[in-house]
Protein backbone atom coordinates (compact mmCIF):
# COMPACT_ATOMS: atom_id res chain seq x y z
CA MET A 1 -70.96 -33.68 -8.67
CA GLU A 2 -70.94 -31.36 -11.65
CA ILE A 3 -69.97 -31.61 -15.31
CA GLY A 4 -66.21 -32.00 -15.54
CA ASP A 5 -65.80 -33.53 -12.06
CA LYS A 6 -63.89 -36.79 -11.73
CA ILE A 7 -65.97 -39.58 -10.22
CA PRO A 8 -64.71 -41.41 -7.09
CA ASP A 9 -62.48 -44.41 -7.72
CA VAL A 10 -64.37 -46.75 -5.41
CA LEU A 11 -68.05 -46.82 -6.37
CA GLY A 12 -69.27 -49.55 -4.03
CA PHE A 13 -70.38 -53.17 -4.01
CA ASP A 14 -72.94 -54.84 -6.24
CA ALA A 15 -75.62 -57.36 -5.26
CA GLU A 16 -73.08 -60.20 -5.59
CA GLY A 17 -70.60 -58.51 -3.25
CA ASN A 18 -68.18 -57.52 -6.03
CA GLU A 19 -66.36 -54.22 -5.56
CA ILE A 20 -66.99 -51.83 -8.43
CA LYS A 21 -64.33 -49.24 -9.22
CA ALA A 22 -64.17 -46.44 -11.75
CA ALA A 23 -60.93 -48.00 -13.04
CA ASP A 24 -63.00 -51.02 -14.17
CA TYR A 25 -64.56 -48.69 -16.75
CA ALA A 26 -61.44 -46.76 -17.80
CA GLY A 27 -61.58 -45.88 -21.49
CA LYS A 28 -65.34 -46.53 -21.63
CA LYS A 29 -68.41 -44.35 -21.32
CA LEU A 30 -70.37 -45.06 -18.16
CA VAL A 31 -73.93 -44.31 -17.09
CA ILE A 32 -74.47 -44.16 -13.33
CA TYR A 33 -78.12 -43.77 -12.52
CA PHE A 34 -79.39 -43.07 -9.02
CA TYR A 35 -82.91 -44.12 -8.11
CA PRO A 36 -84.89 -44.00 -4.85
CA LYS A 37 -86.07 -47.59 -4.24
CA ASP A 38 -86.16 -51.07 -5.73
CA SER A 39 -89.54 -52.39 -6.92
CA THR A 40 -91.41 -49.08 -6.92
CA PRO A 41 -93.28 -48.15 -10.12
CA GLY A 42 -90.99 -45.34 -11.34
CA CYS A 43 -87.78 -47.15 -10.42
CA THR A 44 -88.97 -50.36 -12.07
CA ALA A 45 -89.95 -48.47 -15.25
CA GLU A 46 -86.52 -46.83 -15.38
CA ALA A 47 -84.60 -50.08 -14.80
CA CYS A 48 -86.71 -51.93 -17.38
CA SER A 49 -86.23 -49.13 -19.94
CA LEU A 50 -82.46 -49.35 -19.46
CA ALA A 51 -82.57 -53.15 -19.66
CA ALA A 52 -84.65 -53.03 -22.86
CA GLY A 53 -82.25 -50.53 -24.42
CA TYR A 54 -79.12 -52.22 -23.05
CA GLY A 55 -78.00 -53.55 -26.43
CA ASP A 56 -78.32 -50.13 -28.06
CA LEU A 57 -76.55 -48.47 -25.12
CA GLN A 58 -73.70 -50.99 -25.33
CA ALA A 59 -73.48 -50.49 -29.10
CA ALA A 60 -73.11 -46.75 -28.41
CA GLY A 61 -70.24 -47.57 -26.03
CA TYR A 62 -72.03 -47.23 -22.67
CA SER A 63 -71.79 -49.40 -19.58
CA ILE A 64 -74.52 -48.98 -16.94
CA ILE A 65 -74.57 -49.04 -13.15
CA GLY A 66 -77.64 -48.46 -11.00
CA VAL A 67 -77.37 -47.09 -7.45
CA SER A 68 -79.83 -46.92 -4.58
CA LYS A 69 -79.70 -47.17 -0.81
CA ASP A 70 -81.37 -50.59 -0.88
CA THR A 71 -79.54 -53.66 0.40
CA ALA A 72 -77.65 -56.14 -1.76
CA ALA A 73 -80.40 -58.72 -1.10
CA SER A 74 -83.08 -56.28 -2.31
CA HIS A 75 -81.01 -55.49 -5.41
CA LYS A 76 -80.49 -59.16 -6.17
CA LYS A 77 -84.22 -59.88 -6.00
CA PHE A 78 -85.06 -56.77 -8.09
CA ALA A 79 -82.41 -57.56 -10.73
CA GLU A 80 -83.46 -61.20 -11.02
CA LYS A 81 -87.17 -60.38 -11.24
CA HIS A 82 -86.61 -57.92 -14.10
CA SER A 83 -83.60 -59.66 -15.74
CA LEU A 84 -81.41 -56.58 -15.35
CA PRO A 85 -78.14 -57.08 -17.29
CA PHE A 86 -76.15 -54.46 -15.34
CA PRO A 87 -74.92 -54.19 -11.74
CA LEU A 88 -76.79 -52.40 -8.97
CA ILE A 89 -74.71 -50.84 -6.18
CA ALA A 90 -76.06 -51.18 -2.65
CA ASP A 91 -75.25 -47.73 -1.24
CA THR A 92 -76.70 -48.43 2.21
CA GLU A 93 -74.33 -45.97 3.91
CA LEU A 94 -75.21 -43.26 1.31
CA VAL A 95 -71.52 -42.67 0.49
CA LEU A 96 -72.08 -42.52 -3.28
CA ASN A 97 -75.44 -40.70 -2.96
CA GLN A 98 -73.69 -37.97 -0.98
CA ALA A 99 -70.58 -37.87 -3.19
CA PHE A 100 -72.78 -37.27 -6.25
CA GLY A 101 -75.04 -34.81 -4.39
CA VAL A 102 -78.28 -36.71 -4.97
CA TRP A 103 -79.15 -37.29 -1.28
CA GLN A 104 -81.37 -34.26 -0.74
CA LYS A 105 -84.40 -32.91 1.04
CA LYS A 106 -87.55 -33.94 -0.87
CA LYS A 107 -91.27 -33.32 -0.43
CA MET A 108 -93.51 -36.37 -0.22
CA CYS A 109 -97.17 -36.23 0.71
CA GLY A 110 -96.78 -32.65 1.89
CA ARG A 111 -93.89 -33.29 4.27
CA GLU A 112 -90.14 -32.96 3.85
CA CYS A 113 -87.75 -35.87 4.18
CA MET A 114 -84.30 -36.84 2.96
CA GLY A 115 -84.09 -39.13 -0.04
CA THR A 116 -82.41 -39.93 -3.33
CA VAL A 117 -83.26 -37.51 -6.12
CA ARG A 118 -83.53 -39.55 -9.33
CA THR A 119 -80.54 -38.47 -11.43
CA THR A 120 -78.48 -39.96 -14.26
CA PHE A 121 -74.79 -39.16 -14.68
CA VAL A 122 -73.02 -39.86 -17.97
CA VAL A 123 -69.29 -40.30 -17.44
CA ASP A 124 -66.72 -40.01 -20.24
CA GLU A 125 -63.81 -42.31 -21.03
CA GLN A 126 -61.55 -40.34 -18.65
CA GLY A 127 -63.88 -40.83 -15.67
CA ARG A 128 -65.28 -37.29 -15.72
CA VAL A 129 -68.95 -36.32 -15.63
CA ALA A 130 -69.93 -35.37 -19.19
CA ASP A 131 -73.72 -34.98 -18.79
CA ILE A 132 -76.28 -34.95 -15.99
CA ILE A 133 -79.95 -35.79 -16.52
CA THR A 134 -82.08 -34.39 -13.70
CA LYS A 135 -85.47 -34.76 -15.38
CA VAL A 136 -85.35 -38.49 -16.00
CA ASN A 137 -88.06 -39.96 -18.21
CA THR A 138 -88.40 -43.29 -16.40
CA LYS A 139 -90.30 -44.98 -19.25
CA ASP A 140 -87.77 -43.87 -21.88
CA ALA A 141 -84.52 -43.60 -19.90
CA ALA A 142 -82.41 -45.52 -22.45
CA ASN A 143 -83.44 -43.29 -25.37
CA GLN A 144 -82.98 -40.22 -23.22
CA ILE A 145 -79.29 -41.19 -22.83
CA LEU A 146 -78.88 -42.23 -26.46
CA ASN A 147 -80.31 -38.90 -27.65
CA LEU A 148 -77.98 -36.72 -25.53
CA ASN A 149 -75.50 -36.03 -28.31
CA LYS A 150 -77.90 -35.85 -31.24
């Protein structure tokens, strides 16, 4: 997925089993952030930063969706533990990860493996990618989004 690309209509299912579609966010700005794994330090810091800045993000017109390959049950536990006010998509089949191009070869502990590359996509009111953040500051993710157009 690159700047200007239209996002897929069907995004997936959240922890409650609700289908999430791009059409649900028509006319609104949307942040879709991909992260590797629930309850890991970096992913928790990012989710908590977005939760803490949720009011400011909403005031700026943004809705937020998190995506990882974890299960709905894992997402539910993670969201409840950290009081996350936005949905998390359980992309267990990696459909969305692959559509957005974030499922890539990574190096961990000196060996290569496939995994989600932490990336944030900002989508405009027409459902097109407007910005892509590849160097996510997990502890300040909300401000990183809010400062994009400053």
